[in-house]
């Protein structure tokens, strides 16, 4: 199955209150917007404390039956692990960005690609 559909493309391991899986897919970005009131679609990449806390809270993957951490519990856990989590969140954000299309990667100069005329 396509890694975009399963969400695996967007996953990284973080150490919070315990080792956890963080998935920053579109749903997580929307949840982070709802809880923080900040936009993540026009985000310039500056990772503030509010953005970090919102992304981590929204992106944690829970096992079936596991109690969800509250927004404040995520903040408490970040007190001890913020630097490591910032690295992991940055990795997850880059994973969530679409890859450039093959057409957009290199543009041939049409003058150079045209056959020579005699």
PDB file of N, CA and C in Angstrom:
ATOM      1  N   UNK A   1       0.848  -1.181   0.000  1.00  0.00           N
ATOM      2  CA  UNK A   1       0.000   0.000   0.000  1.00  0.00           C
ATOM      3  C   UNK A   1       0.894   1.246   0.000  1.00  0.00           C
ATOM      4  N   UNK A   2       0.469   2.280  -0.623  1.00  0.00           N
ATOM      5  CA  UNK A   2       1.219   3.527  -0.729  1.00  0.00           C
ATOM      6  C   UNK A   2       1.514   4.096   0.657  1.00  0.00           C
ATOM      7  N   UNK A   3       2.772   4.491   0.882  1.00  0.00           N
ATOM      8  CA  UNK A   3       3.154   5.000   2.195  1.00  0.00           C
ATOM      9  C   UNK A   3       2.444   6.303   2.549  1.00  0.00           C
ATOM     10  N   UNK A   4       1.935   7.032   1.553  1.00  0.00           N
ATOM     11  CA  UNK A   4       1.147   8.233   1.855  1.00  0.00           C
ATOM     12  C   UNK A   4      -0.184   7.841   2.478  1.00  0.00           C
ATOM     13  N   UNK A   5      -0.789   6.763   1.967  1.00  0.00           N
ATOM     14  CA  UNK A   5      -2.091   6.345   2.466  1.00  0.00           C
ATOM     15  C   UNK A   5      -1.996   5.713   3.845  1.00  0.00           C
ATOM     16  N   UNK A   6      -0.922   4.998   4.133  1.00  0.00           N
ATOM     17  CA  UNK A   6      -0.782   4.364   5.440  1.00  0.00           C
ATOM     18  C   UNK A   6      -0.260   5.327   6.490  1.00  0.00           C
ATOM     19  N   UNK A   7       0.312   6.442   6.077  1.00  0.00           N
ATOM     20  CA  UNK A   7       0.855   7.414   7.010  1.00  0.00           C
ATOM     21  C   UNK A   7       2.284   7.122   7.425  1.00  0.00           C
ATOM     22  N   UNK A   8       2.843   5.990   6.999  1.00  0.00           N
ATOM     23  CA  UNK A   8       4.186   5.618   7.426  1.00  0.00           C
ATOM     24  C   UNK A   8       5.240   6.615   6.971  1.00  0.00           C
ATOM     25  N   UNK A   9       5.025   7.267   5.884  1.00  0.00           N
ATOM     26  CA  UNK A   9       5.995   8.244   5.378  1.00  0.00           C
ATOM     27  C   UNK A   9       6.241   9.352   6.389  1.00  0.00           C
ATOM     28  N   UNK A  10       5.261   9.647   7.208  1.00  0.00           N
ATOM     29  CA  UNK A  10       5.303  10.800   8.091  1.00  0.00           C
ATOM     30  C   UNK A  10       5.702  10.448   9.521  1.00  0.00           C
ATOM     31  N   UNK A  11       6.161   9.232   9.769  1.00  0.00           N
ATOM     32  CA  UNK A  11       6.388   8.767  11.134  1.00  0.00           C
ATOM     33  C   UNK A  11       7.846   8.851  11.558  1.00  0.00           C
ATOM     34  N   UNK A  12       8.052   9.262  12.803  1.00  0.00           N
ATOM     35  CA  UNK A  12       9.364   9.238  13.444  1.00  0.00           C
ATOM     36  C   UNK A  12       9.165   8.813  14.892  1.00  0.00           C
ATOM     37  N   UNK A  13      10.215   8.255  15.468  1.00  0.00           N
ATOM     38  CA  UNK A  13      10.203   7.899  16.884  1.00  0.00           C
ATOM     39  C   UNK A  13      10.632   9.103  17.702  1.00  0.00           C
ATOM     40  N   UNK A  14       9.943   9.337  18.814  1.00  0.00           N
ATOM     41  CA  UNK A  14      10.354  10.384  19.753  1.00  0.00           C
ATOM     42  C   UNK A  14      10.386   9.775  21.155  1.00  0.00           C
ATOM     43  N   UNK A  15      11.162  10.379  22.021  1.00  0.00           N
ATOM     44  CA  UNK A  15      11.148  10.021  23.437  1.00  0.00           C
ATOM     45  C   UNK A  15      10.473  11.164  24.154  1.00  0.00           C
ATOM     46  N   UNK A  16       9.324  10.868  24.708  1.00  0.00           N
ATOM     47  CA  UNK A  16       8.562  11.889  25.424  1.00  0.00           C
ATOM     48  C   UNK A  16       8.482  11.425  26.875  1.00  0.00           C
ATOM     49  N   UNK A  17       7.322  10.991  27.320  1.00  0.00           N
ATOM     50  CA  UNK A  17       7.208  10.360  28.634  1.00  0.00           C
ATOM     51  C   UNK A  17       7.687   8.915  28.555  1.00  0.00           C
ATOM     52  N   UNK A  18       7.702   8.396  27.322  1.00  0.00           N
ATOM     53  CA  UNK A  18       8.216   7.075  26.978  1.00  0.00           C
ATOM     54  C   UNK A  18       8.442   7.107  25.470  1.00  0.00           C
ATOM     55  N   UNK A  19       9.081   6.113  24.881  1.00  0.00           N
ATOM     56  CA  UNK A  19       9.226   6.122  23.416  1.00  0.00           C
ATOM     57  C   UNK A  19       7.843   6.096  22.754  1.00  0.00           C
ATOM     58  N   UNK A  20       7.661   6.991  21.810  1.00  0.00           N
ATOM     59  CA  UNK A  20       6.362   7.095  21.131  1.00  0.00           C
ATOM     60  C   UNK A  20       6.573   7.281  19.636  1.00  0.00           C
ATOM     61  N   UNK A  21       5.561   6.925  18.887  1.00  0.00           N
ATOM     62  CA  UNK A  21       5.555   7.141  17.453  1.00  0.00           C
ATOM     63  C   UNK A  21       4.841   8.450  17.185  1.00  0.00           C
ATOM     64  N   UNK A  22       5.474   9.312  16.386  1.00  0.00           N
ATOM     65  CA  UNK A  22       4.895  10.603  16.018  1.00  0.00           C
ATOM     66  C   UNK A  22       4.614  10.575  14.526  1.00  0.00           C
ATOM     67  N   UNK A  23       3.375  10.845  14.146  1.00  0.00           N
ATOM     68  CA  UNK A  23       2.988  10.874  12.734  1.00  0.00           C
ATOM     69  C   UNK A  23       2.473  12.269  12.411  1.00  0.00           C
ATOM     70  N   UNK A  24       3.251  13.008  11.608  1.00  0.00           N
ATOM     71  CA  UNK A  24       2.837  14.355  11.221  1.00  0.00           C
ATOM     72  C   UNK A  24       2.301  14.327   9.801  1.00  0.00           C
ATOM     73  N   UNK A  25       1.078  13.855   9.684  1.00  0.00           N
ATOM     74  CA  UNK A  25       0.398  13.845   8.403  1.00  0.00           C
ATOM     75  C   UNK A  25      -0.577  15.027   8.360  1.00  0.00           C
ATOM     76  N   UNK A  26      -1.374  15.103   7.323  1.00  0.00           N
ATOM     77  CA  UNK A  26      -2.294  16.228   7.160  1.00  0.00           C
ATOM     78  C   UNK A  26      -3.262  16.327   8.329  1.00  0.00           C
ATOM     79  N   UNK A  27      -3.755  15.180   8.811  1.00  0.00           N
ATOM     80  CA  UNK A  27      -4.681  15.190   9.939  1.00  0.00           C
ATOM     81  C   UNK A  27      -4.030  15.792  11.177  1.00  0.00           C
ATOM     82  N   UNK A  28      -2.775  15.440  11.423  1.00  0.00           N
ATOM     83  CA  UNK A  28      -2.076  15.986  12.588  1.00  0.00           C
ATOM     84  C   UNK A  28      -1.899  17.499  12.460  1.00  0.00           C
ATOM     85  N   UNK A  29      -1.542  17.967  11.263  1.00  0.00           N
ATOM     86  CA  UNK A  29      -1.401  19.415  11.077  1.00  0.00           C
ATOM     87  C   UNK A  29      -2.726  20.127  11.340  1.00  0.00           C
ATOM     88  N   UNK A  30      -3.835  19.541  10.908  1.00  0.00           N
ATOM     89  CA  UNK A  30      -5.154  20.149  11.150  1.00  0.00           C
ATOM     90  C   UNK A  30      -5.484  20.174  12.640  1.00  0.00           C
ATOM     91  N   UNK A  31      -5.206  19.060  13.350  1.00  0.00           N
ATOM     92  CA  UNK A  31      -5.440  19.031  14.796  1.00  0.00           C
ATOM     93  C   UNK A  31      -4.576  20.076  15.500  1.00  0.00           C
ATOM     94  N   UNK A  32      -3.322  20.200  15.060  1.00  0.00           N
ATOM     95  CA  UNK A  32      -2.415  21.179  15.659  1.00  0.00           C
ATOM     96  C   UNK A  32      -2.936  22.594  15.447  1.00  0.00           C
ATOM     97  N   UNK A  33      -3.517  22.853  14.276  1.00  0.00           N
ATOM     98  CA  UNK A  33      -4.108  24.167  14.023  1.00  0.00           C
ATOM     99  C   UNK A  33      -5.279  24.417  14.959  1.00  0.00           C
ATOM    100  N   UNK A  34      -6.119  23.391  15.138  1.00  0.00           N
ATOM    101  CA  UNK A  34      -7.303  23.540  15.986  1.00  0.00           C
ATOM    102  C   UNK A  34      -6.927  23.855  17.425  1.00  0.00           C
ATOM    103  N   UNK A  35      -5.917  23.163  17.960  1.00  0.00           N
ATOM    104  CA  UNK A  35      -5.560  23.349  19.363  1.00  0.00           C
ATOM    105  C   UNK A  35      -4.744  24.618  19.590  1.00  0.00           C
ATOM    106  N   UNK A  36      -3.950  25.019  18.600  1.00  0.00           N
ATOM    107  CA  UNK A  36      -3.065  26.174  18.789  1.00  0.00           C
ATOM    108  C   UNK A  36      -3.620  27.472  18.224  1.00  0.00           C
ATOM    109  N   UNK A  37      -4.524  27.375  17.258  1.00  0.00           N
ATOM    110  CA  UNK A  37      -5.021  28.569  16.590  1.00  0.00           C
ATOM    111  C   UNK A  37      -4.046  29.121  15.564  1.00  0.00           C
ATOM    112  N   UNK A  38      -2.946  28.409  15.325  1.00  0.00           N
ATOM    113  CA  UNK A  38      -1.937  28.839  14.353  1.00  0.00           C
ATOM    114  C   UNK A  38      -2.114  28.094  13.038  1.00  0.00           C
ATOM    115  N   UNK A  39      -1.748  28.729  11.941  1.00  0.00           N
ATOM    116  CA  UNK A  39      -1.822  28.079  10.636  1.00  0.00           C
ATOM    117  C   UNK A  39      -0.531  27.314  10.381  1.00  0.00           C
ATOM    118  N   UNK A  40      -0.667  26.103   9.879  1.00  0.00           N
ATOM    119  CA  UNK A  40       0.492  25.311   9.515  1.00  0.00           C
ATOM    120  C   UNK A  40       0.627  25.178   8.000  1.00  0.00           C
ATOM    121  N   UNK A  41      -0.348  25.647   7.248  1.00  0.00           N
ATOM    122  CA  UNK A  41      -0.254  25.566   5.787  1.00  0.00           C
ATOM    123  C   UNK A  41       0.619  26.675   5.216  1.00  0.00           C
ATOM    124  N   UNK A  42       0.647  27.817   5.874  1.00  0.00           N
ATOM    125  CA  UNK A  42       1.502  28.908   5.391  1.00  0.00           C
ATOM    126  C   UNK A  42       2.694  29.115   6.321  1.00  0.00           C
ATOM    127  N   UNK A  43       3.062  28.073   7.011  1.00  0.00           N
ATOM    128  CA  UNK A  43       4.115  28.088   8.011  1.00  0.00           C
ATOM    129  C   UNK A  43       5.476  28.273   7.359  1.00  0.00           C
ATOM    130  N   UNK A  44       6.288  29.176   7.904  1.00  0.00           N
ATOM    131  CA  UNK A  44       7.617  29.436   7.342  1.00  0.00           C
ATOM    132  C   UNK A  44       8.698  28.528   7.929  1.00  0.00           C
ATOM    133  N   UNK A  45       8.324  27.604   8.817  1.00  0.00           N
ATOM    134  CA  UNK A  45       9.266  26.660   9.378  1.00  0.00           C
ATOM    135  C   UNK A  45       9.814  27.037  10.737  1.00  0.00           C
ATOM    136  N   UNK A  46       9.484  28.233  11.231  1.00  0.00           N
ATOM    137  CA  UNK A  46       9.953  28.640  12.558  1.00  0.00           C
ATOM    138  C   UNK A  46       9.214  27.808  13.604  1.00  0.00           C
ATOM    139  N   UNK A  47       9.967  27.084  14.414  1.00  0.00           N
ATOM    140  CA  UNK A  47       9.368  26.186  15.391  1.00  0.00           C
ATOM    141  C   UNK A  47       9.342  26.844  16.766  1.00  0.00           C
ATOM    142  N   UNK A  48       8.206  27.435  17.101  1.00  0.00           N
ATOM    143  CA  UNK A  48       8.029  28.063  18.408  1.00  0.00           C
ATOM    144  C   UNK A  48       7.600  26.993  19.413  1.00  0.00           C
ATOM    145  N   UNK A  49       7.591  27.345  20.670  1.00  0.00           N
ATOM    146  CA  UNK A  49       7.138  26.419  21.703  1.00  0.00           C
ATOM    147  C   UNK A  49       5.698  25.984  21.495  1.00  0.00           C
ATOM    148  N   UNK A  50       4.837  26.928  21.135  1.00  0.00           N
ATOM    149  CA  UNK A  50       3.426  26.601  20.909  1.00  0.00           C
ATOM    150  C   UNK A  50       3.290  25.647  19.727  1.00  0.00           C
ATOM    151  N   UNK A  51       4.013  25.903  18.651  1.00  0.00           N
ATOM    152  CA  UNK A  51       3.951  25.016  17.484  1.00  0.00           C
ATOM    153  C   UNK A  51       4.473  23.624  17.823  1.00  0.00           C
ATOM    154  N   UNK A  52       5.588  23.551  18.542  1.00  0.00           N
ATOM    155  CA  UNK A  52       6.155  22.264  18.918  1.00  0.00           C
ATOM    156  C   UNK A  52       5.175  21.462  19.759  1.00  0.00           C
ATOM    157  N   UNK A  53       4.648  22.082  20.782  1.00  0.00           N
ATOM    158  CA  UNK A  53       3.699  21.404  21.676  1.00  0.00           C
ATOM    159  C   UNK A  53       2.463  20.941  20.910  1.00  0.00           C
ATOM    160  N   UNK A  54       1.922  21.802  20.041  1.00  0.00           N
ATOM    161  CA  UNK A  54       0.730  21.444  19.267  1.00  0.00           C
ATOM    162  C   UNK A  54       1.010  20.291  18.305  1.00  0.00           C
ATOM    163  N   UNK A  55       2.155  20.335  17.616  1.00  0.00           N
ATOM    164  CA  UNK A  55       2.490  19.266  16.671  1.00  0.00           C
ATOM    165  C   UNK A  55       2.694  17.932  17.378  1.00  0.00           C
ATOM    166  N   UNK A  56       3.386  17.962  18.502  1.00  0.00           N
ATOM    167  CA  UNK A  56       3.613  16.716  19.239  1.00  0.00           C
ATOM    168  C   UNK A  56       2.289  16.181  19.772  1.00  0.00           C
ATOM    169  N   UNK A  57       1.483  17.025  20.386  1.00  0.00           N
ATOM    170  CA  UNK A  57       0.196  16.581  20.913  1.00  0.00           C
ATOM    171  C   UNK A  57      -0.676  15.976  19.811  1.00  0.00           C
ATOM    172  N   UNK A  58      -0.711  16.636  18.674  1.00  0.00           N
ATOM    173  CA  UNK A  58      -1.584  16.189  17.578  1.00  0.00           C
ATOM    174  C   UNK A  58      -1.037  14.963  16.857  1.00  0.00           C
ATOM    175  N   UNK A  59       0.278  14.762  16.891  1.00  0.00           N
ATOM    176  CA  UNK A  59       0.878  13.713  16.082  1.00  0.00           C
ATOM    177  C   UNK A  59       1.159  12.401  16.776  1.00  0.00           C
ATOM    178  N   UNK A  60       0.984  12.339  18.105  1.00  0.00           N
ATOM    179  CA  UNK A  60       1.282  11.088  18.813  1.00  0.00           C
ATOM    180  C   UNK A  60       0.316   9.999  18.350  1.00  0.00           C
ATOM    181  N   UNK A  61       0.880   8.838  18.026  1.00  0.00           N
ATOM    182  CA  UNK A  61       0.087   7.668  17.650  1.00  0.00           C
ATOM    183  C   UNK A  61      -0.107   6.823  18.911  1.00  0.00           C
ATOM    184  N   UNK A  62      -1.339   6.471  19.210  1.00  0.00           N
ATOM    185  CA  UNK A  62      -1.655   5.706  20.410  1.00  0.00           C
ATOM    186  C   UNK A  62      -2.044   4.284  20.050  1.00  0.00           C
ATOM    187  N   UNK A  63      -1.617   3.350  20.883  1.00  0.00           N
ATOM    188  CA  UNK A  63      -2.072   1.972  20.737  1.00  0.00           C
ATOM    189  C   UNK A  63      -3.525   1.896  21.170  1.00  0.00           C
ATOM    190  N   UNK A  64      -4.227   0.902  20.650  1.00  0.00           N
ATOM    191  CA  UNK A  64      -5.638   0.744  20.985  1.00  0.00           C
ATOM    192  C   UNK A  64      -5.808   0.629  22.499  1.00  0.00           C
ATOM    193  N   UNK A  65      -6.704   1.414  23.044  1.00  0.00           N
ATOM    194  CA  UNK A  65      -6.994   1.392  24.471  1.00  0.00           C
ATOM    195  C   UNK A  65      -6.062   2.240  25.315  1.00  0.00           C
ATOM    196  N   UNK A  66      -5.021   2.780  24.719  1.00  0.00           N
ATOM    197  CA  UNK A  66      -4.068   3.598  25.466  1.00  0.00           C
ATOM    198  C   UNK A  66      -4.676   4.975  25.740  1.00  0.00           C
ATOM    199  N   UNK A  67      -4.444   5.490  26.947  1.00  0.00           N
ATOM    200  CA  UNK A  67      -4.952   6.809  27.317  1.00  0.00           C
ATOM    201  C   UNK A  67      -4.153   7.884  26.578  1.00  0.00           C
ATOM    202  N   UNK A  68      -4.874   8.822  25.989  1.00  0.00           N
ATOM    203  CA  UNK A  68      -4.238   9.940  25.288  1.00  0.00           C
ATOM    204  C   UNK A  68      -3.672  10.925  26.298  1.00  0.00           C
ATOM    205  N   UNK A  69      -2.497  11.469  26.003  1.00  0.00           N
ATOM    206  CA  UNK A  69      -1.931  12.519  26.836  1.00  0.00           C
ATOM    207  C   UNK A  69      -2.721  13.806  26.618  1.00  0.00           C
ATOM    208  N   UNK A  70      -2.885  14.561  27.675  1.00  0.00           N
ATOM    209  CA  UNK A  70      -3.524  15.860  27.527  1.00  0.00           C
ATOM    210  C   UNK A  70      -2.505  16.820  26.912  1.00  0.00           C
ATOM    211  N   UNK A  71      -2.995  17.952  26.470  1.00  0.00           N
ATOM    212  CA  UNK A  71      -2.136  18.983  25.892  1.00  0.00           C
ATOM    213  C   UNK A  71      -1.093  19.434  26.919  1.00  0.00           C
ATOM    214  N   UNK A  72      -1.512  19.610  28.175  1.00  0.00           N
ATOM    215  CA  UNK A  72      -0.582  20.027  29.221  1.00  0.00           C
ATOM    216  C   UNK A  72       0.411  18.925  29.584  1.00  0.00           C
ATOM    217  N   UNK A  73      -0.009  17.667  29.549  1.00  0.00           N
ATOM    218  CA  UNK A  73       0.923  16.564  29.823  1.00  0.00           C
ATOM    219  C   UNK A  73       2.025  16.507  28.766  1.00  0.00           C
ATOM    220  N   UNK A  74       1.688  16.804  27.517  1.00  0.00           N
ATOM    221  CA  UNK A  74       2.705  16.868  26.467  1.00  0.00           C
ATOM    222  C   UNK A  74       3.693  17.977  26.795  1.00  0.00           C
ATOM    223  N   UNK A  75       3.191  19.126  27.217  1.00  0.00           N
ATOM    224  CA  UNK A  75       4.070  20.226  27.604  1.00  0.00           C
ATOM    225  C   UNK A  75       4.981  19.852  28.759  1.00  0.00           C
ATOM    226  N   UNK A  76       4.430  19.148  29.759  1.00  0.00           N
ATOM    227  CA  UNK A  76       5.247  18.703  30.890  1.00  0.00           C
ATOM    228  C   UNK A  76       6.354  17.755  30.424  1.00  0.00           C
ATOM    229  N   UNK A  77       6.035  16.832  29.534  1.00  0.00           N
ATOM    230  CA  UNK A  77       7.030  15.882  29.032  1.00  0.00           C
ATOM    231  C   UNK A  77       8.098  16.588  28.207  1.00  0.00           C
ATOM    232  N   UNK A  78       7.711  17.655  27.510  1.00  0.00           N
ATOM    233  CA  UNK A  78       8.676  18.405  26.704  1.00  0.00           C
ATOM    234  C   UNK A  78       9.710  19.137  27.566  1.00  0.00           C
ATOM    235  N   UNK A  79       9.393  19.372  28.832  1.00  0.00           N
ATOM    236  CA  UNK A  79      10.362  20.029  29.714  1.00  0.00           C
ATOM    237  C   UNK A  79      11.702  19.309  29.717  1.00  0.00           C
ATOM    238  N   UNK A  80      11.673  17.990  29.684  1.00  0.00           N
ATOM    239  CA  UNK A  80      12.907  17.203  29.784  1.00  0.00           C
ATOM    240  C   UNK A  80      13.442  16.745  28.436  1.00  0.00           C
ATOM    241  N   UNK A  81      12.617  16.803  27.398  1.00  0.00           N
ATOM    242  CA  UNK A  81      13.021  16.181  26.128  1.00  0.00           C
ATOM    243  C   UNK A  81      12.937  17.115  24.931  1.00  0.00           C
ATOM    244  N   UNK A  82      12.748  18.394  25.157  1.00  0.00           N
ATOM    245  CA  UNK A  82      12.450  19.324  24.057  1.00  0.00           C
ATOM    246  C   UNK A  82      13.483  19.293  22.938  1.00  0.00           C
ATOM    247  N   UNK A  83      14.765  19.297  23.260  1.00  0.00           N
ATOM    248  CA  UNK A  83      15.776  19.353  22.202  1.00  0.00           C
ATOM    249  C   UNK A  83      15.731  18.125  21.305  1.00  0.00           C
ATOM    250  N   UNK A  84      15.628  16.933  21.902  1.00  0.00           N
ATOM    251  CA  UNK A  84      15.540  15.711  21.098  1.00  0.00           C
ATOM    252  C   UNK A  84      14.261  15.688  20.280  1.00  0.00           C
ATOM    253  N   UNK A  85      13.170  16.161  20.862  1.00  0.00           N
ATOM    254  CA  UNK A  85      11.885  16.172  20.154  1.00  0.00           C
ATOM    255  C   UNK A  85      11.921  17.172  19.008  1.00  0.00           C
ATOM    256  N   UNK A  86      12.590  18.299  19.183  1.00  0.00           N
ATOM    257  CA  UNK A  86      12.708  19.277  18.090  1.00  0.00           C
ATOM    258  C   UNK A  86      13.378  18.642  16.882  1.00  0.00           C
ATOM    259  N   UNK A  87      14.440  17.876  17.108  1.00  0.00           N
ATOM    260  CA  UNK A  87      15.127  17.197  16.007  1.00  0.00           C
ATOM    261  C   UNK A  87      14.171  16.221  15.316  1.00  0.00           C
ATOM    262  N   UNK A  88      13.429  15.437  16.098  1.00  0.00           N
ATOM    263  CA  UNK A  88      12.510  14.458  15.529  1.00  0.00           C
ATOM    264  C   UNK A  88      11.361  15.132  14.783  1.00  0.00           C
ATOM    265  N   UNK A  89      10.820  16.211  15.350  1.00  0.00           N
ATOM    266  CA  UNK A  89       9.721  16.928  14.694  1.00  0.00           C
ATOM    267  C   UNK A  89      10.207  17.542  13.386  1.00  0.00           C
ATOM    268  N   UNK A  90      11.396  18.095  13.385  1.00  0.00           N
ATOM    269  CA  UNK A  90      11.956  18.653  12.149  1.00  0.00           C
ATOM    270  C   UNK A  90      12.063  17.575  11.084  1.00  0.00           C
ATOM    271  N   UNK A  91      12.531  16.391  11.468  1.00  0.00           N
ATOM    272  CA  UNK A  91      12.616  15.267  10.524  1.00  0.00           C
ATOM    273  C   UNK A  91      11.234  14.897  10.002  1.00  0.00           C
ATOM    274  N   UNK A  92      10.254  14.828  10.898  1.00  0.00           N
ATOM    275  CA  UNK A  92       8.899  14.461  10.489  1.00  0.00           C
ATOM    276  C   UNK A  92       8.290  15.504   9.566  1.00  0.00           C
ATOM    277  N   UNK A  93       8.547  16.770   9.834  1.00  0.00           N
ATOM    278  CA  UNK A  93       8.015  17.838   8.972  1.00  0.00           C
ATOM    279  C   UNK A  93       8.606  17.705   7.572  1.00  0.00           C
ATOM    280  N   UNK A  94       9.918  17.474   7.483  1.00  0.00           N
ATOM    281  CA  UNK A  94      10.528  17.306   6.160  1.00  0.00           C
ATOM    282  C   UNK A  94       9.981  16.078   5.448  1.00  0.00           C
ATOM    283  N   UNK A  95       9.680  15.018   6.190  1.00  0.00           N
ATOM    284  CA  UNK A  95       9.085  13.831   5.590  1.00  0.00           C
ATOM    285  C   UNK A  95       7.689  14.124   5.053  1.00  0.00           C
ATOM    286  N   UNK A  96       6.995  15.067   5.694  1.00  0.00           N
ATOM    287  CA  UNK A  96       5.622  15.360   5.296  1.00  0.00           C
ATOM    288  C   UNK A  96       5.536  16.223   4.045  1.00  0.00           C
ATOM    289  N   UNK A  97       6.647  16.858   3.676  1.00  0.00           N
ATOM    290  CA  UNK A  97       6.632  17.704   2.486  1.00  0.00           C
ATOM    291  C   UNK A  97       6.590  16.839   1.232  1.00  0.00           C
ATOM    292  N   UNK A  98       5.825  17.235   0.226  1.00  0.00           N
ATOM    293  CA  UNK A  98       5.794  16.449  -1.000  1.00  0.00           C
ATOM    294  C   UNK A  98       7.153  16.465  -1.690  1.00  0.00           C
ATOM    295  N   UNK A  99       7.482  15.335  -2.299  1.00  0.00           N
ATOM    296  CA  UNK A  99       8.729  15.267  -3.052  1.00  0.00           C
ATOM    297  C   UNK A  99       8.540  16.005  -4.374  1.00  0.00           C
ATOM    298  N   UNK A 100       9.609  16.644  -4.873  1.00  0.00           N
ATOM    299  CA  UNK A 100       9.478  17.342  -6.157  1.00  0.00           C
ATOM    300  C   UNK A 100       9.173  16.342  -7.272  1.00  0.00           C
ATOM    301  N   UNK A 101       8.359  16.788  -8.204  1.00  0.00           N
ATOM    302  CA  UNK A 101       8.038  15.924  -9.330  1.00  0.00           C
ATOM    303  C   UNK A 101       9.262  15.791 -10.221  1.00  0.00           C
ATOM    304  N   UNK A 102       9.290  14.719 -10.979  1.00  0.00           N
ATOM    305  CA  UNK A 102      10.427  14.503 -11.869  1.00  0.00           C
ATOM    306  C   UNK A 102      10.545  15.632 -12.878  1.00  0.00           C
ATOM    307  N   UNK A 103       9.416  16.180 -13.302  1.00  0.00           N
ATOM    308  CA  UNK A 103       9.434  17.280 -14.262  1.00  0.00           C
ATOM    309  C   UNK A 103      10.071  18.523 -13.656  1.00  0.00           C
ATOM    310  N   UNK A 104       9.851  18.754 -12.338  1.00  0.00           N
ATOM    311  CA  UNK A 104      10.329  19.964 -11.701  1.00  0.00           C
ATOM    312  C   UNK A 104      11.758  19.883 -11.221  1.00  0.00           C
ATOM    313  N   UNK A 105      12.361  18.695 -11.218  1.00  0.00           N
ATOM    314  CA  UNK A 105      13.696  18.560 -10.671  1.00  0.00           C
ATOM    315  C   UNK A 105      14.759  19.217 -11.545  1.00  0.00           C
ATOM    316  N   UNK A 106      14.712  18.966 -12.819  1.00  0.00           N
ATOM    317  CA  UNK A 106      15.680  19.598 -13.714  1.00  0.00           C
ATOM    318  C   UNK A 106      14.950  20.064 -14.958  1.00  0.00           C
ATOM    319  N   UNK A 107      15.229  21.253 -15.322  1.00  0.00           N
ATOM    320  CA  UNK A 107      14.635  21.814 -16.523  1.00  0.00           C
ATOM    321  C   UNK A 107      15.718  21.915 -17.585  1.00  0.00           C
ATOM    322  N   UNK A 108      15.500  21.239 -18.698  1.00  0.00           N
ATOM    323  CA  UNK A 108      16.455  21.345 -19.801  1.00  0.00           C
ATOM    324  C   UNK A 108      16.268  22.668 -20.515  1.00  0.00           C
ATOM    325  N   UNK A 109      17.366  23.221 -20.940  1.00  0.00           N
ATOM    326  CA  UNK A 109      17.316  24.419 -21.759  1.00  0.00           C
ATOM    327  C   UNK A 109      16.830  23.989 -23.132  1.00  0.00           C
ATOM    328  N   UNK A 110      15.683  24.493 -23.604  1.00  0.00           N
ATOM    329  CA  UNK A 110      15.151  24.059 -24.902  1.00  0.00           C
ATOM    330  C   UNK A 110      16.128  24.309 -26.050  1.00  0.00           C
ATOM    331  N   UNK A 111      16.949  25.339 -25.926  1.00  0.00           N
ATOM    332  CA  UNK A 111      17.936  25.610 -26.988  1.00  0.00           C
ATOM    333  C   UNK A 111      18.997  24.516 -27.039  1.00  0.00           C
ATOM    334  N   UNK A 112      19.411  24.042 -25.881  1.00  0.00           N
ATOM    335  CA  UNK A 112      20.425  22.999 -25.841  1.00  0.00           C
ATOM    336  C   UNK A 112      19.854  21.649 -26.249  1.00  0.00           C
ATOM    337  N   UNK A 113      18.585  21.392 -25.929  1.00  0.00           N
ATOM    338  CA  UNK A 113      17.975  20.104 -26.216  1.00  0.00           C
ATOM    339  C   UNK A 113      17.550  19.984 -27.691  1.00  0.00           C
ATOM    340  N   UNK A 114      17.394  21.100 -28.386  1.00  0.00           N
ATOM    341  CA  UNK A 114      16.930  21.060 -29.784  1.00  0.00           C
ATOM    342  C   UNK A 114      18.048  20.514 -30.690  1.00  0.00           C
ATOM    343  N   UNK A 115      17.658  19.695 -31.665  1.00  0.00           N
ATOM    344  CA  UNK A 115      18.679  19.176 -32.576  1.00  0.00           C
ATOM    345  C   UNK A 115      19.257  20.308 -33.435  1.00  0.00           C
ATOM    346  N   UNK A 116      20.516  20.179 -33.735  1.00  0.00           N
ATOM    347  CA  UNK A 116      21.182  21.187 -34.568  1.00  0.00           C
ATOM    348  C   UNK A 116      20.646  21.116 -35.984  1.00  0.00           C
ATOM    349  N   UNK A 117      20.443  22.260 -36.599  1.00  0.00           N
ATOM    350  CA  UNK A 117      19.981  22.313 -37.995  1.00  0.00           C
ATOM    351  C   UNK A 117      21.135  22.719 -38.875  1.00  0.00           C
ATOM    352  N   UNK A 118      21.192  22.158 -40.042  1.00  0.00           N
ATOM    353  CA  UNK A 118      22.282  22.488 -40.963  1.00  0.00           C
ATOM    354  C   UNK A 118      21.812  23.404 -42.046  1.00  0.00           C
TER     355      UNK A 118
END
